[in-house]
Protein backbone atom coordinates (compact mmCIF):
# COMPACT_ATOMS: atom_id res chain seq x y z
CA MET A 1 11.52 -12.74 8.46
CA ILE A 2 11.03 -9.16 9.64
CA THR A 3 12.49 -7.30 12.59
CA GLY A 4 10.21 -4.89 14.43
CA ARG A 5 9.55 -3.07 17.69
CA VAL A 6 6.34 -3.61 19.68
CA ILE A 7 4.64 -0.20 19.92
CA GLY A 8 1.11 -1.06 21.02
CA GLN A 9 -1.37 -3.75 22.00
CA VAL A 10 -4.63 -4.70 20.30
CA ASN A 11 -7.67 -5.62 22.38
CA ALA A 12 -10.33 -7.68 20.62
CA THR A 13 -13.62 -8.55 22.28
CA ILE A 14 -14.46 -11.05 19.55
CA LYS A 15 -11.97 -13.09 17.55
CA VAL A 16 -11.71 -16.44 15.80
CA GLU A 17 -11.89 -19.24 18.37
CA THR A 18 -8.44 -20.57 17.47
CA LEU A 19 -6.92 -17.19 18.49
CA THR A 20 -8.35 -17.31 22.01
CA GLY A 21 -5.58 -16.85 24.57
CA TYR A 22 -3.13 -15.19 22.16
CA ARG A 23 -2.20 -11.51 22.49
CA MET A 24 -1.99 -9.21 19.47
CA PHE A 25 0.49 -6.34 19.22
CA VAL A 26 1.03 -3.37 16.93
CA VAL A 27 4.57 -3.67 15.56
CA GLN A 28 6.69 -1.07 13.76
CA GLY A 29 9.19 -2.58 11.32
CA VAL A 30 12.82 -1.54 11.86
CA ASP A 31 15.91 -1.59 9.65
CA GLU A 32 19.33 -3.05 10.50
CA ASN A 33 20.12 0.04 12.62
CA LEU A 34 16.79 -0.31 14.46
CA ASN A 35 15.33 2.80 12.77
CA PRO A 36 11.57 2.68 11.95
CA ILE A 37 10.58 1.69 8.40
CA GLY A 38 7.23 1.17 6.71
CA LYS A 39 3.79 1.24 8.29
CA PRO A 40 2.95 -0.40 11.63
CA PHE A 41 1.05 -3.70 11.47
CA VAL A 42 -0.58 -6.22 13.82
CA ALA A 43 1.24 -9.44 14.77
CA LEU A 44 0.12 -12.28 17.01
CA ASP A 45 2.40 -13.04 19.99
CA GLY A 46 3.47 -16.60 19.15
CA ILE A 47 6.06 -16.75 21.94
CA ALA A 48 3.57 -15.58 24.61
CA CYS A 49 6.01 -13.22 26.31
CA ALA A 50 6.55 -10.17 24.09
CA GLY A 51 5.81 -6.74 25.53
CA MET A 52 5.87 -3.03 24.83
CA GLY A 53 9.18 -1.77 23.46
CA ASP A 54 10.59 -5.24 22.73
CA VAL A 55 12.49 -5.71 19.46
CA VAL A 56 11.20 -8.95 17.97
CA THR A 57 11.50 -11.16 14.91
CA ILE A 58 8.34 -11.79 12.94
CA THR A 59 7.39 -14.32 10.33
CA THR A 60 4.65 -13.47 7.83
CA LYS A 61 2.20 -14.94 5.34
CA ARG A 62 1.89 -18.73 5.30
CA ASP A 63 4.84 -19.20 7.67
CA ALA A 64 2.99 -17.17 10.33
CA ALA A 65 0.15 -19.70 10.42
CA LEU A 66 2.61 -22.60 10.37
CA ALA A 67 4.39 -21.15 13.42
CA LEU A 68 1.23 -21.86 15.43
CA GLY A 69 0.41 -25.28 14.04
CA ASP A 70 -1.34 -24.15 10.83
CA ILE A 71 -4.63 -23.58 12.68
CA PRO A 72 -5.17 -19.82 13.12
CA PRO A 73 -5.92 -17.40 10.28
CA ILE A 74 -3.03 -14.97 10.82
CA ASP A 75 -0.69 -13.00 8.59
CA ALA A 76 2.11 -12.06 11.04
CA CYS A 77 3.47 -13.91 14.08
CA ILE A 78 6.13 -12.90 16.63
CA VAL A 79 8.57 -15.83 16.86
CA GLY A 80 11.58 -14.44 18.77
CA PHE A 81 13.42 -11.59 20.51
CA VAL A 82 16.40 -9.54 19.30
CA ASP A 83 18.98 -9.16 22.09
CA VAL A 84 21.75 -7.54 20.01
CA SER A 85 22.03 -6.45 16.37
CA THR A 86 25.53 -6.26 14.84
CA VAL A 87 25.89 -4.73 11.39
CA SER A 88 28.99 -4.24 9.24
CA ASP A 89 29.23 -0.86 7.50
CA LYS A 90 30.73 -0.31 4.02
CA ASN A 91 34.23 -0.02 5.55
CA GLY A 92 33.94 -3.34 7.36
CA ASN A 93 33.51 -1.76 10.79
CA LEU A 94 31.05 -3.52 13.10
CA ASN A 95 28.28 -1.47 14.69
CA THR A 96 26.38 -3.05 17.57
CA TYR A 97 22.87 -1.97 18.57
CA LYS A 98 21.19 -3.08 21.77
CA PRO A 99 17.43 -2.53 21.78
């Protein structure tokens, strides 16, 4: 499971028939403090309500296809939203981040 922020949308004029009706977004991975990490990637919107700027949870590889009934050929699928992220630092203090 990966956490990321939606930073763009992909428009495809032609795609595999099983992906018809699904939106695709460009997602930037984020760390526990919601800072960007790694390279952006494309993820299918499996919850059908993600949008620009949303912090989302993403499943990848085989689990991404299983999230949509094992039909589409996808490698990353948005499966949820992050409302609040709470992280404990090395001193045991809790830090809360709201996207």
